[in-house]
């Protein structure tokens, strides 16, 4: 799986687990809703700056957003 796809799937899972819409996450991160959607689908080669904005908006570390839960014993 590509890093952009892994990041996007983790972002979607974290967002949904917190009961946030894409709009709400985008507002908290200072990004556009369509951008967040594209990130979640793995369509954007996201910058570290924007990845950090999303992680901060979700209240998690950037490392948690990149962790491969299928190949790791650690939970996010």
C-alpha atoms as a PDB file:
ATOM      1  CA  UNK A   1       0.000   0.000   0.000  1.00  0.00           C
ATOM      2  CA  UNK A   2       1.292   3.473  -0.835  1.00  0.00           C
ATOM      3  CA  UNK A   3       2.134   5.905   1.945  1.00  0.00           C
ATOM      4  CA  UNK A   4      -0.525   8.342   0.701  1.00  0.00           C
ATOM      5  CA  UNK A   5      -3.184   5.606   0.799  1.00  0.00           C
ATOM      6  CA  UNK A   6      -2.091   4.457   4.283  1.00  0.00           C
ATOM      7  CA  UNK A   7      -2.151   8.026   5.573  1.00  0.00           C
ATOM      8  CA  UNK A   8      -5.577   8.642   4.047  1.00  0.00           C
ATOM      9  CA  UNK A   9      -7.103   5.477   5.480  1.00  0.00           C
ATOM     10  CA  UNK A  10      -5.751   6.310   8.934  1.00  0.00           C
ATOM     11  CA  UNK A  11      -7.097   9.857   8.716  1.00  0.00           C
ATOM     12  CA  UNK A  12     -10.545   8.616   7.709  1.00  0.00           C
ATOM     13  CA  UNK A  13     -10.598   6.022  10.505  1.00  0.00           C
ATOM     14  CA  UNK A  14      -9.512   8.564  13.117  1.00  0.00           C
ATOM     15  CA  UNK A  15     -11.958  11.190  11.850  1.00  0.00           C
ATOM     16  CA  UNK A  16     -14.908   8.782  11.876  1.00  0.00           C
ATOM     17  CA  UNK A  17     -13.973   7.431  15.325  1.00  0.00           C
ATOM     18  CA  UNK A  18     -14.150  11.012  16.624  1.00  0.00           C
ATOM     19  CA  UNK A  19     -17.503  11.628  14.977  1.00  0.00           C
ATOM     20  CA  UNK A  20     -16.163  14.372  12.728  1.00  0.00           C
ATOM     21  CA  UNK A  21     -17.343  15.131   9.211  1.00  0.00           C
ATOM     22  CA  UNK A  22     -14.827  16.005   6.520  1.00  0.00           C
ATOM     23  CA  UNK A  23     -16.107  19.581   6.779  1.00  0.00           C
ATOM     24  CA  UNK A  24     -15.481  19.693  10.520  1.00  0.00           C
ATOM     25  CA  UNK A  25     -11.984  18.230  10.184  1.00  0.00           C
ATOM     26  CA  UNK A  26     -11.151  20.616   7.351  1.00  0.00           C
ATOM     27  CA  UNK A  27     -12.308  23.590   9.456  1.00  0.00           C
ATOM     28  CA  UNK A  28     -10.238  22.467  12.456  1.00  0.00           C
ATOM     29  CA  UNK A  29      -7.175  21.956  10.253  1.00  0.00           C
ATOM     30  CA  UNK A  30      -7.615  25.168   8.238  1.00  0.00           C
ATOM     31  CA  UNK A  31      -7.937  23.242   4.970  1.00  0.00           C
ATOM     32  CA  UNK A  32     -10.627  22.854   2.305  1.00  0.00           C
ATOM     33  CA  UNK A  33     -13.128  19.991   2.556  1.00  0.00           C
ATOM     34  CA  UNK A  34     -12.384  18.712  -0.939  1.00  0.00           C
ATOM     35  CA  UNK A  35      -8.675  18.606  -0.086  1.00  0.00           C
ATOM     36  CA  UNK A  36      -9.360  16.491   3.019  1.00  0.00           C
ATOM     37  CA  UNK A  37     -11.498  14.146   0.924  1.00  0.00           C
ATOM     38  CA  UNK A  38      -8.731  13.750  -1.643  1.00  0.00           C
ATOM     39  CA  UNK A  39      -6.218  13.067   1.147  1.00  0.00           C
ATOM     40  CA  UNK A  40      -8.482  10.387   2.620  1.00  0.00           C
ATOM     41  CA  UNK A  41      -8.767   8.715  -0.779  1.00  0.00           C
ATOM     42  CA  UNK A  42      -4.968   8.773  -1.184  1.00  0.00           C
ATOM     43  CA  UNK A  43      -5.220  11.067  -4.201  1.00  0.00           C
ATOM     44  CA  UNK A  44      -3.021  13.849  -2.821  1.00  0.00           C
ATOM     45  CA  UNK A  45       0.706  13.799  -2.239  1.00  0.00           C
ATOM     46  CA  UNK A  46       0.236  15.729   0.986  1.00  0.00           C
ATOM     47  CA  UNK A  47       2.940  18.022   2.359  1.00  0.00           C
ATOM     48  CA  UNK A  48       4.298  17.487   5.851  1.00  0.00           C
ATOM     49  CA  UNK A  49       2.885  20.850   6.869  1.00  0.00           C
ATOM     50  CA  UNK A  50      -0.665  19.879   5.893  1.00  0.00           C
ATOM     51  CA  UNK A  51      -0.239  16.377   7.343  1.00  0.00           C
ATOM     52  CA  UNK A  52       0.731  17.971  10.654  1.00  0.00           C
ATOM     53  CA  UNK A  53      -2.287  20.313  10.496  1.00  0.00           C
ATOM     54  CA  UNK A  54      -4.604  17.304  10.076  1.00  0.00           C
ATOM     55  CA  UNK A  55      -2.886  15.323  12.836  1.00  0.00           C
ATOM     56  CA  UNK A  56      -3.133  18.298  15.202  1.00  0.00           C
ATOM     57  CA  UNK A  57      -6.798  18.799  14.326  1.00  0.00           C
ATOM     58  CA  UNK A  58      -7.412  15.150  15.230  1.00  0.00           C
ATOM     59  CA  UNK A  59      -5.357  15.458  18.425  1.00  0.00           C
ATOM     60  CA  UNK A  60      -2.906  12.715  17.430  1.00  0.00           C
ATOM     61  CA  UNK A  61       0.754  12.607  16.498  1.00  0.00           C
ATOM     62  CA  UNK A  62       1.855  12.566  12.897  1.00  0.00           C
ATOM     63  CA  UNK A  63       3.451   9.175  13.577  1.00  0.00           C
ATOM     64  CA  UNK A  64       0.028   7.776  14.507  1.00  0.00           C
ATOM     65  CA  UNK A  65      -1.278   8.891  11.116  1.00  0.00           C
ATOM     66  CA  UNK A  66       1.473   6.959   9.345  1.00  0.00           C
ATOM     67  CA  UNK A  67       1.430   3.760  11.395  1.00  0.00           C
ATOM     68  CA  UNK A  68       0.507   0.625   9.474  1.00  0.00           C
ATOM     69  CA  UNK A  69      -1.925  -1.045  11.865  1.00  0.00           C
ATOM     70  CA  UNK A  70      -1.911  -4.289   9.864  1.00  0.00           C
ATOM     71  CA  UNK A  71       1.841  -4.712  10.290  1.00  0.00           C
ATOM     72  CA  UNK A  72       2.159  -3.355  13.804  1.00  0.00           C
ATOM     73  CA  UNK A  73       1.285  -4.661  17.247  1.00  0.00           C
ATOM     74  CA  UNK A  74       0.814  -1.087  18.453  1.00  0.00           C
ATOM     75  CA  UNK A  75      -2.614   0.539  18.421  1.00  0.00           C
ATOM     76  CA  UNK A  76      -3.184   4.078  17.228  1.00  0.00           C
END
